Each structure stands twice: as C-alpha cells, then as structure tokens.
Amino acid sequence: MKVNDEEKTKQILNRLSRIIGQLQAVKRMTEEKRECSEILIQISAARSALESVSKLLLQDHVNTCIQKAIEKNDDTAINDLNNILSKFLY
C-alpha cells in the first residue's frame, strides 16, 4: 500500500515525527528516573497518536486500494484487508 496524496503523506510524516519525539521523551524520562506515572502518561499519548495515524492510513487504504480492488473484482485485496483488520482488532 502507498499513500496516494501528497498532503496525506505530509500529514502522516508529521504525525510520525511527533510520535518519534514522544518516544524519545519516554526514553529520556526513563533514563532520568522520572515518576512512573509521568512516563505512563507519555506512553499513553504516544500510543494514542500511533492509533490515530494507523486509522488515517487504513482509511486511505480503504478509500483507494480497496475501492479499486472492488471495481476490478479483486478478492485478494479484500483478503489482505481482512488480515490487516485482524491485526488491528486485537
């Protein structure tokens, strides 16, 4: 799958950069022996941000790749989508 729009690509890359920054902060906080509750809050924020960017990518995938596959009667793409969803819906 590839992101099909320059603006979406930029948006996703910006979000991923922020997530990387959050994770670096978690590492730094751990090294500094900060309070566990502070670290856990940052981990929660990073996880939420990662889920958000995942949803954005999944929406793009459905709106482009899956739509095209449906138009072409390509069952492989539907099976791939089911596999992706099974990983997200744990």
PDB file of N, CA and C in Angstrom:
ATOM      1  N   MET A   1       0.838  -1.177   0.000  1.00  0.00           N
ATOM      2  CA  MET A   1       0.000   0.000   0.000  1.00  0.00           C
ATOM      3  C   MET A   1       0.878   1.232   0.000  1.00  0.00           C
ATOM      4  N   LYS A   2       0.429   2.233  -0.685  1.00  0.00           N
ATOM      5  CA  LYS A   2       1.131   3.507  -0.645  1.00  0.00           C
ATOM      6  C   LYS A   2       0.122   4.619  -0.451  1.00  0.00           C
ATOM      7  N   VAL A   3       0.566   5.656   0.215  1.00  0.00           N
ATOM      8  CA  VAL A   3      -0.302   6.812   0.431  1.00  0.00           C
ATOM      9  C   VAL A   3      -0.450   7.519  -0.899  1.00  0.00           C
ATOM     10  N   ASN A   4      -1.688   7.844  -1.266  1.00  0.00           N
ATOM     11  CA  ASN A   4      -1.984   8.299  -2.614  1.00  0.00           C
ATOM     12  C   ASN A   4      -2.138   9.800  -2.769  1.00  0.00           C
ATOM     13  N   ASP A   5      -1.773  10.567  -1.796  1.00  0.00           N
ATOM     14  CA  ASP A   5      -1.974  12.005  -1.867  1.00  0.00           C
ATOM     15  C   ASP A   5      -0.811  12.686  -1.153  1.00  0.00           C
ATOM     16  N   GLU A   6      -0.244  13.696  -1.788  1.00  0.00           N
ATOM     17  CA  GLU A   6       0.909  14.400  -1.212  1.00  0.00           C
ATOM     18  C   GLU A   6       0.580  15.005   0.151  1.00  0.00           C
ATOM     19  N   GLU A   7      -0.592  15.593   0.272  1.00  0.00           N
ATOM     20  CA  GLU A   7      -0.975  16.216   1.541  1.00  0.00           C
ATOM     21  C   GLU A   7      -1.127  15.172   2.640  1.00  0.00           C
ATOM     22  N   LYS A   8      -1.716  14.030   2.303  1.00  0.00           N
ATOM     23  CA  LYS A   8      -1.849  12.957   3.294  1.00  0.00           C
ATOM     24  C   LYS A   8      -0.479  12.432   3.694  1.00  0.00           C
ATOM     25  N   THR A   9       0.405  12.299   2.723  1.00  0.00           N
ATOM     26  CA  THR A   9       1.760  11.830   3.022  1.00  0.00           C
ATOM     27  C   THR A   9       2.444  12.778   3.991  1.00  0.00           C
ATOM     28  N   LYS A  10       2.326  14.072   3.728  1.00  0.00           N
ATOM     29  CA  LYS A  10       2.932  15.080   4.605  1.00  0.00           C
ATOM     30  C   LYS A  10       2.325  15.013   6.003  1.00  0.00           C
ATOM     31  N   GLN A  11       1.018  14.871   6.066  1.00  0.00           N
ATOM     32  CA  GLN A  11       0.315  14.785   7.344  1.00  0.00           C
ATOM     33  C   GLN A  11       0.778  13.556   8.136  1.00  0.00           C
ATOM     34  N   ILE A  12       0.887  12.430   7.469  1.00  0.00           N
ATOM     35  CA  ILE A  12       1.319  11.197   8.133  1.00  0.00           C
ATOM     36  C   ILE A  12       2.762  11.323   8.611  1.00  0.00           C
ATOM     37  N   LEU A  13       3.629  11.871   7.773  1.00  0.00           N
ATOM     38  CA  LEU A  13       5.026  12.037   8.167  1.00  0.00           C
ATOM     39  C   LEU A  13       5.161  12.981   9.361  1.00  0.00           C
ATOM     40  N   ASN A  14       4.375  14.054   9.389  1.00  0.00           N
ATOM     41  CA  ASN A  14       4.397  14.968  10.530  1.00  0.00           C
ATOM     42  C   ASN A  14       3.948  14.260  11.808  1.00  0.00           C
ATOM     43  N   ARG A  15       2.910  13.485  11.703  1.00  0.00           N
ATOM     44  CA  ARG A  15       2.420  12.754  12.881  1.00  0.00           C
ATOM     45  C   ARG A  15       3.455  11.741  13.353  1.00  0.00           C
ATOM     46  N   LEU A  16       4.076  11.043  12.412  1.00  0.00           N
ATOM     47  CA  LEU A  16       5.099  10.062  12.796  1.00  0.00           C
ATOM     48  C   LEU A  16       6.298  10.742  13.448  1.00  0.00           C
ATOM     49  N   SER A  17       6.663  11.912  12.968  1.00  0.00           N
ATOM     50  CA  SER A  17       7.762  12.666  13.587  1.00  0.00           C
ATOM     51  C   SER A  17       7.425  13.027  15.029  1.00  0.00           C
ATOM     52  N   ARG A  18       6.176  13.437  15.266  1.00  0.00           N
ATOM     53  CA  ARG A  18       5.758  13.750  16.630  1.00  0.00           C
ATOM     54  C   ARG A  18       5.787  12.516  17.517  1.00  0.00           C
ATOM     55  N   ILE A  19       5.367  11.382  16.973  1.00  0.00           N
ATOM     56  CA  ILE A  19       5.372  10.131  17.738  1.00  0.00           C
ATOM     57  C   ILE A  19       6.809   9.745  18.094  1.00  0.00           C
ATOM     58  N   ILE A  20       7.702   9.885  17.152  1.00  0.00           N
ATOM     59  CA  ILE A  20       9.116   9.599  17.414  1.00  0.00           C
ATOM     60  C   ILE A  20       9.622  10.502  18.536  1.00  0.00           C
ATOM     61  N   GLY A  21       9.252  11.771  18.487  1.00  0.00           N
ATOM     62  CA  GLY A  21       9.637  12.706  19.545  1.00  0.00           C
ATOM     63  C   GLY A  21       9.081  12.286  20.895  1.00  0.00           C
ATOM     64  N   GLN A  22       7.828  11.836  20.914  1.00  0.00           N
ATOM     65  CA  GLN A  22       7.212  11.377  22.157  1.00  0.00           C
ATOM     66  C   GLN A  22       7.963  10.166  22.714  1.00  0.00           C
ATOM     67  N   LEU A  23       8.327   9.244  21.839  1.00  0.00           N
ATOM     68  CA  LEU A  23       9.034   8.046  22.299  1.00  0.00           C
ATOM     69  C   LEU A  23      10.443   8.381  22.784  1.00  0.00           C
ATOM     70  N   GLN A  24      11.079   9.333  22.141  1.00  0.00           N
ATOM     71  CA  GLN A  24      12.390   9.774  22.615  1.00  0.00           C
ATOM     72  C   GLN A  24      12.263  10.418  23.995  1.00  0.00           C
ATOM     73  N   ALA A  25      11.170  11.145  24.212  1.00  0.00           N
ATOM     74  CA  ALA A  25      10.925  11.748  25.522  1.00  0.00           C
ATOM     75  C   ALA A  25      10.692  10.668  26.575  1.00  0.00           C
ATOM     76  N   VAL A  26       9.981   9.606  26.218  1.00  0.00           N
ATOM     77  CA  VAL A  26       9.761   8.488  27.137  1.00  0.00           C
ATOM     78  C   VAL A  26      11.103   7.860  27.523  1.00  0.00           C
ATOM     79  N   LYS A  27      11.955   7.665  26.547  1.00  0.00           N
ATOM     80  CA  LYS A  27      13.276   7.092  26.817  1.00  0.00           C
ATOM     81  C   LYS A  27      14.071   8.005  27.750  1.00  0.00           C
ATOM     82  N   ARG A  28      14.061   9.278  27.430  1.00  0.00           N
ATOM     83  CA  ARG A  28      14.802  10.256  28.245  1.00  0.00           C
ATOM     84  C   ARG A  28      14.257  10.295  29.676  1.00  0.00           C
ATOM     85  N   MET A  29      12.934  10.285  29.808  1.00  0.00           N
ATOM     86  CA  MET A  29      12.312  10.302  31.131  1.00  0.00           C
ATOM     87  C   MET A  29      12.691   9.062  31.926  1.00  0.00           C
ATOM     88  N   THR A  30      12.764   7.930  31.253  1.00  0.00           N
ATOM     89  CA  THR A  30      13.148   6.683  31.916  1.00  0.00           C
ATOM     90  C   THR A  30      14.598   6.761  32.382  1.00  0.00           C
ATOM     91  N   GLU A  31      15.463   7.275  31.514  1.00  0.00           N
ATOM     92  CA  GLU A  31      16.874   7.432  31.879  1.00  0.00           C
ATOM     93  C   GLU A  31      17.039   8.386  33.062  1.00  0.00           C
ATOM     94  N   GLU A  32      16.188   9.398  33.127  1.00  0.00           N
ATOM     95  CA  GLU A  32      16.235  10.373  34.211  1.00  0.00           C
ATOM     96  C   GLU A  32      15.539   9.882  35.475  1.00  0.00           C
ATOM     97  N   LYS A  33      15.007   8.658  35.408  1.00  0.00           N
ATOM     98  CA  LYS A  33      14.293   8.043  36.529  1.00  0.00           C
ATOM     99  C   LYS A  33      13.120   8.900  37.018  1.00  0.00           C
ATOM    100  N   ARG A  34      12.348   9.408  36.057  1.00  0.00           N
ATOM    101  CA  ARG A  34      11.159  10.203  36.373  1.00  0.00           C
ATOM    102  C   ARG A  34      10.088   9.286  36.954  1.00  0.00           C
ATOM    103  N   GLU A  35       9.072   9.887  37.508  1.00  0.00           N
ATOM    104  CA  GLU A  35       7.970   9.132  38.098  1.00  0.00           C
ATOM    105  C   GLU A  35       7.314   8.223  37.056  1.00  0.00           C
ATOM    106  N   CYS A  36       7.001   7.021  37.484  1.00  0.00           N
ATOM    107  CA  CYS A  36       6.358   6.053  36.578  1.00  0.00           C
ATOM    108  C   CYS A  36       5.072   6.617  35.992  1.00  0.00           C
ATOM    109  N   SER A  37       4.298   7.317  36.801  1.00  0.00           N
ATOM    110  CA  SER A  37       3.019   7.857  36.311  1.00  0.00           C
ATOM    111  C   SER A  37       3.241   8.850  35.174  1.00  0.00           C
ATOM    112  N   GLU A  38       4.285   9.663  35.247  1.00  0.00           N
ATOM    113  CA  GLU A  38       4.591  10.614  34.174  1.00  0.00           C
ATOM    114  C   GLU A  38       4.969   9.876  32.891  1.00  0.00           C
ATOM    115  N   ILE A  39       5.764   8.840  33.041  1.00  0.00           N
ATOM    116  CA  ILE A  39       6.203   8.052  31.883  1.00  0.00           C
ATOM    117  C   ILE A  39       5.010   7.350  31.245  1.00  0.00           C
ATOM    118  N   LEU A  40       4.156   6.782  32.074  1.00  0.00           N
ATOM    119  CA  LEU A  40       2.982   6.078  31.558  1.00  0.00           C
ATOM    120  C   LEU A  40       2.043   7.020  30.813  1.00  0.00           C
ATOM    121  N   ILE A  41       1.911   8.244  31.274  1.00  0.00           N
ATOM    122  CA  ILE A  41       1.076   9.231  30.572  1.00  0.00           C
ATOM    123  C   ILE A  41       1.647   9.501  29.185  1.00  0.00           C
ATOM    124  N   GLN A  42       2.962   9.635  29.098  1.00  0.00           N
ATOM    125  CA  GLN A  42       3.596   9.871  27.799  1.00  0.00           C
ATOM    126  C   GLN A  42       3.453   8.662  26.878  1.00  0.00           C
ATOM    127  N   ILE A  43       3.564   7.463  27.438  1.00  0.00           N
ATOM    128  CA  ILE A  43       3.375   6.251  26.632  1.00  0.00           C
ATOM    129  C   ILE A  43       1.947   6.198  26.108  1.00  0.00           C
ATOM    130  N   SER A  44       0.988   6.543  26.954  1.00  0.00           N
ATOM    131  CA  SER A  44      -0.409   6.555  26.542  1.00  0.00           C
ATOM    132  C   SER A  44      -0.636   7.543  25.401  1.00  0.00           C
ATOM    133  N   ALA A  45      -0.022   8.719  25.506  1.00  0.00           N
ATOM    134  CA  ALA A  45      -0.163   9.731  24.447  1.00  0.00           C
ATOM    135  C   ALA A  45       0.444   9.240  23.139  1.00  0.00           C
ATOM    136  N   ALA A  46       1.611   8.592  23.217  1.00  0.00           N
ATOM    137  CA  ALA A  46       2.266   8.071  22.015  1.00  0.00           C
ATOM    138  C   ALA A  46       1.426   6.960  21.383  1.00  0.00           C
ATOM    139  N   ARG A  47       0.878   6.099  22.218  1.00  0.00           N
ATOM    140  CA  ARG A  47       0.053   5.009  21.700  1.00  0.00           C
ATOM    141  C   ARG A  47      -1.198   5.561  21.017  1.00  0.00           C
ATOM    142  N   SER A  48      -1.805   6.549  21.620  1.00  0.00           N
ATOM    143  CA  SER A  48      -2.989   7.183  21.029  1.00  0.00           C
ATOM    144  C   SER A  48      -2.652   7.828  19.683  1.00  0.00           C
ATOM    145  N   ALA A  49      -1.515   8.504  19.626  1.00  0.00           N
ATOM    146  CA  ALA A  49      -1.087   9.140  18.376  1.00  0.00           C
ATOM    147  C   ALA A  49      -0.807   8.092  17.301  1.00  0.00           C
ATOM    148  N   LEU A  50      -0.224   6.977  17.680  1.00  0.00           N
ATOM    149  CA  LEU A  50       0.060   5.904  16.729  1.00  0.00           C
ATOM    150  C   LEU A  50      -1.239   5.280  16.212  1.00  0.00           C
ATOM    151  N   GLU A  51      -2.209   5.111  17.101  1.00  0.00           N
ATOM    152  CA  GLU A  51      -3.508   4.591  16.673  1.00  0.00           C
ATOM    153  C   GLU A  51      -4.181   5.554  15.704  1.00  0.00           C
ATOM    154  N   SER A  52      -4.031   6.831  15.954  1.00  0.00           N
ATOM    155  CA  SER A  52      -4.626   7.851  15.092  1.00  0.00           C
ATOM    156  C   SER A  52      -4.029   7.810  13.685  1.00  0.00           C
ATOM    157  N   VAL A  53      -2.715   7.726  13.595  1.00  0.00           N
ATOM    158  CA  VAL A  53      -2.076   7.671  12.276  1.00  0.00           C
ATOM    159  C   VAL A  53      -2.401   6.338  11.585  1.00  0.00           C
ATOM    160  N   SER A  54      -2.551   5.280  12.357  1.00  0.00           N
ATOM    161  CA  SER A  54      -2.950   3.991  11.773  1.00  0.00           C
ATOM    162  C   SER A  54      -4.333   4.085  11.139  1.00  0.00           C
ATOM    163  N   LYS A  55      -5.252   4.740  11.827  1.00  0.00           N
ATOM    164  CA  LYS A  55      -6.607   4.913  11.290  1.00  0.00           C
ATOM    165  C   LYS A  55      -6.584   5.728   9.998  1.00  0.00           C
ATOM    166  N   LEU A  56      -5.757   6.762   9.986  1.00  0.00           N
ATOM    167  CA  LEU A  56      -5.633   7.587   8.789  1.00  0.00           C
ATOM    168  C   LEU A  56      -5.145   6.753   7.600  1.00  0.00           C
ATOM    169  N   LEU A  57      -4.137   5.936   7.842  1.00  0.00           N
ATOM    170  CA  LEU A  57      -3.614   5.067   6.776  1.00  0.00           C
ATOM    171  C   LEU A  57      -4.644   4.028   6.342  1.00  0.00           C
ATOM    172  N   LEU A  58      -5.351   3.465   7.299  1.00  0.00           N
ATOM    173  CA  LEU A  58      -6.370   2.465   6.975  1.00  0.00           C
ATOM    174  C   LEU A  58      -7.495   3.086   6.146  1.00  0.00           C
ATOM    175  N   GLN A  59      -7.910   4.296   6.507  1.00  0.00           N
ATOM    176  CA  GLN A  59      -8.941   4.983   5.727  1.00  0.00           C
ATOM    177  C   GLN A  59      -8.477   5.222   4.294  1.00  0.00           C
ATOM    178  N   ASP A  60      -7.240   5.651   4.144  1.00  0.00           N
ATOM    179  CA  ASP A  60      -6.699   5.882   2.806  1.00  0.00           C
ATOM    180  C   ASP A  60      -6.664   4.573   2.017  1.00  0.00           C
ATOM    181  N   HIS A  61      -6.274   3.514   2.677  1.00  0.00           N
ATOM    182  CA  HIS A  61      -6.212   2.202   2.022  1.00  0.00           C
ATOM    183  C   HIS A  61      -7.594   1.768   1.531  1.00  0.00           C
ATOM    184  N   VAL A  62      -8.582   1.908   2.382  1.00  0.00           N
ATOM    185  CA  VAL A  62      -9.946   1.520   2.005  1.00  0.00           C
ATOM    186  C   VAL A  62     -10.471   2.409   0.877  1.00  0.00           C
ATOM    187  N   ASN A  63     -10.234   3.705   0.984  1.00  0.00           N
ATOM    188  CA  ASN A  63     -10.774   4.643   0.002  1.00  0.00           C
ATOM    189  C   ASN A  63     -10.087   4.583  -1.353  1.00  0.00           C
ATOM    190  N   THR A  64      -8.904   4.017  -1.409  1.00  0.00           N
ATOM    191  CA  THR A  64      -8.193   3.956  -2.684  1.00  0.00           C
ATOM    192  C   THR A  64      -7.983   2.515  -3.126  1.00  0.00           C
ATOM    193  N   CYS A  65      -7.125   1.812  -2.452  1.00  0.00           N
ATOM    194  CA  CYS A  65      -6.747   0.459  -2.881  1.00  0.00           C
ATOM    195  C   CYS A  65      -7.930  -0.508  -2.878  1.00  0.00           C
ATOM    196  N   ILE A  66      -8.689  -0.498  -1.803  1.00  0.00           N
ATOM    197  CA  ILE A  66      -9.819  -1.431  -1.706  1.00  0.00           C
ATOM    198  C   ILE A  66     -10.912  -1.040  -2.700  1.00  0.00           C
ATOM    199  N   GLN A  67     -11.150   0.245  -2.852  1.00  0.00           N
ATOM    200  CA  GLN A  67     -12.143   0.699  -3.825  1.00  0.00           C
ATOM    201  C   GLN A  67     -11.781   0.219  -5.233  1.00  0.00           C
ATOM    202  N   LYS A  68     -10.515   0.369  -5.601  1.00  0.00           N
ATOM    203  CA  LYS A  68     -10.070  -0.097  -6.918  1.00  0.00           C
ATOM    204  C   LYS A  68     -10.194  -1.615  -7.042  1.00  0.00           C
ATOM    205  N   ALA A  69      -9.866  -2.308  -5.970  1.00  0.00           N
ATOM    206  CA  ALA A  69      -9.957  -3.770  -5.995  1.00  0.00           C
ATOM    207  C   ALA A  69     -11.399  -4.234  -6.170  1.00  0.00           C
ATOM    208  N   ILE A  70     -12.327  -3.560  -5.529  1.00  0.00           N
ATOM    209  CA  ILE A  70     -13.739  -3.899  -5.669  1.00  0.00           C
ATOM    210  C   ILE A  70     -14.189  -3.687  -7.108  1.00  0.00           C
ATOM    211  N   GLU A  71     -13.758  -2.582  -7.692  1.00  0.00           N
ATOM    212  CA  GLU A  71     -14.115  -2.297  -9.076  1.00  0.00           C
ATOM    213  C   GLU A  71     -13.570  -3.358 -10.026  1.00  0.00           C
ATOM    214  N   LYS A  72     -12.437  -3.963  -9.675  1.00  0.00           N
ATOM    215  CA  LYS A  72     -11.810  -4.990 -10.516  1.00  0.00           C
ATOM    216  C   LYS A  72     -12.175  -6.410 -10.086  1.00  0.00           C
ATOM    217  N   ASN A  73     -13.068  -6.529  -9.093  1.00  0.00           N
ATOM    218  CA  ASN A  73     -13.435  -7.839  -8.539  1.00  0.00           C
ATOM    219  C   ASN A  73     -12.219  -8.617  -8.039  1.00  0.00           C
ATOM    220  N   ASP A  74     -11.312  -7.911  -7.376  1.00  0.00           N
ATOM    221  CA  ASP A  74     -10.079  -8.499  -6.856  1.00  0.00           C
ATOM    222  C   ASP A  74     -10.283  -8.929  -5.407  1.00  0.00           C
ATOM    223  N   ASP A  75     -10.517 -10.226  -5.213  1.00  0.00           N
ATOM    224  CA  ASP A  75     -10.747 -10.750  -3.863  1.00  0.00           C
ATOM    225  C   ASP A  75      -9.480 -10.762  -3.018  1.00  0.00           C
ATOM    226  N   THR A  76      -8.324 -10.741  -3.656  1.00  0.00           N
ATOM    227  CA  THR A  76      -7.058 -10.752  -2.918  1.00  0.00           C
ATOM    228  C   THR A  76      -6.953  -9.537  -2.010  1.00  0.00           C
ATOM    229  N   ALA A  77      -7.320  -8.378  -2.510  1.00  0.00           N
ATOM    230  CA  ALA A  77      -7.245  -7.147  -1.715  1.00  0.00           C
ATOM    231  C   ALA A  77      -8.187  -7.208  -0.519  1.00  0.00           C
ATOM    232  N   ILE A  78      -9.349  -7.805  -0.714  1.00  0.00           N
ATOM    233  CA  ILE A  78     -10.298  -7.951   0.395  1.00  0.00           C
ATOM    234  C   ILE A  78      -9.716  -8.881   1.448  1.00  0.00           C
ATOM    235  N   ASN A  79      -9.099  -9.964   1.033  1.00  0.00           N
ATOM    236  CA  ASN A  79      -8.450 -10.882   1.974  1.00  0.00           C
ATOM    237  C   ASN A  79      -7.318 -10.190   2.716  1.00  0.00           C
ATOM    238  N   ASP A  80      -6.552  -9.388   2.000  1.00  0.00           N
ATOM    239  CA  ASP A  80      -5.474  -8.623   2.640  1.00  0.00           C
ATOM    240  C   ASP A  80      -6.040  -7.654   3.676  1.00  0.00           C
ATOM    241  N   LEU A  81      -7.135  -6.998   3.339  1.00  0.00           N
ATOM    242  CA  LEU A  81      -7.773  -6.082   4.277  1.00  0.00           C
ATOM    243  C   LEU A  81      -8.232  -6.829   5.527  1.00  0.00           C
ATOM    244  N   ASN A  82      -8.801  -7.986   5.340  1.00  0.00           N
ATOM    245  CA  ASN A  82      -9.236  -8.793   6.496  1.00  0.00           C
ATOM    246  C   ASN A  82      -8.054  -9.143   7.389  1.00  0.00           C
ATOM    247  N   ASN A  83      -6.911  -9.458   6.789  1.00  0.00           N
ATOM    248  CA  ASN A  83      -5.710  -9.759   7.571  1.00  0.00           C
ATOM    249  C   ASN A  83      -5.225  -8.524   8.341  1.00  0.00           C
ATOM    250  N   ILE A  84      -5.262  -7.376   7.676  1.00  0.00           N
ATOM    251  CA  ILE A  84      -4.864  -6.138   8.343  1.00  0.00           C
ATOM    252  C   ILE A  84      -5.792  -5.855   9.517  1.00  0.00           C
ATOM    253  N   LEU A  85      -7.085  -5.966   9.280  1.00  0.00           N
ATOM    254  CA  LEU A  85      -8.050  -5.681  10.344  1.00  0.00           C
ATOM    255  C   LEU A  85      -7.895  -6.632  11.518  1.00  0.00           C
ATOM    256  N   SER A  86      -7.578  -7.884  11.251  1.00  0.00           N
ATOM    257  CA  SER A  86      -7.397  -8.838  12.351  1.00  0.00           C
ATOM    258  C   SER A  86      -6.219  -8.456  13.232  1.00  0.00           C
ATOM    259  N   LYS A  87      -5.231  -7.786  12.667  1.00  0.00           N
ATOM    260  CA  LYS A  87      -4.081  -7.324  13.452  1.00  0.00           C
ATOM    261  C   LYS A  87      -4.447  -6.087  14.286  1.00  0.00           C
ATOM    262  N   PHE A  88      -5.338  -5.243  13.784  1.00  0.00           N
ATOM    263  CA  PHE A  88      -5.721  -4.036  14.495  1.00  0.00           C
ATOM    264  C   PHE A  88      -6.794  -4.282  15.536  1.00  0.00           C
ATOM    265  N   LEU A  89      -7.595  -5.286  15.311  1.00  0.00           N
ATOM    266  CA  LEU A  89      -8.706  -5.564  16.231  1.00  0.00           C
ATOM    267  C   LEU A  89      -8.339  -6.703  17.167  1.00  0.00           C
ATOM    268  N   TYR A  90      -7.385  -6.463  18.032  1.00  0.00           N
ATOM    269  CA  TYR A  90      -6.910  -7.499  18.960  1.00  0.00           C
ATOM    270  C   TYR A  90      -7.724  -7.576  20.199  1.00  0.00           C
TER     271      TYR A  90
END
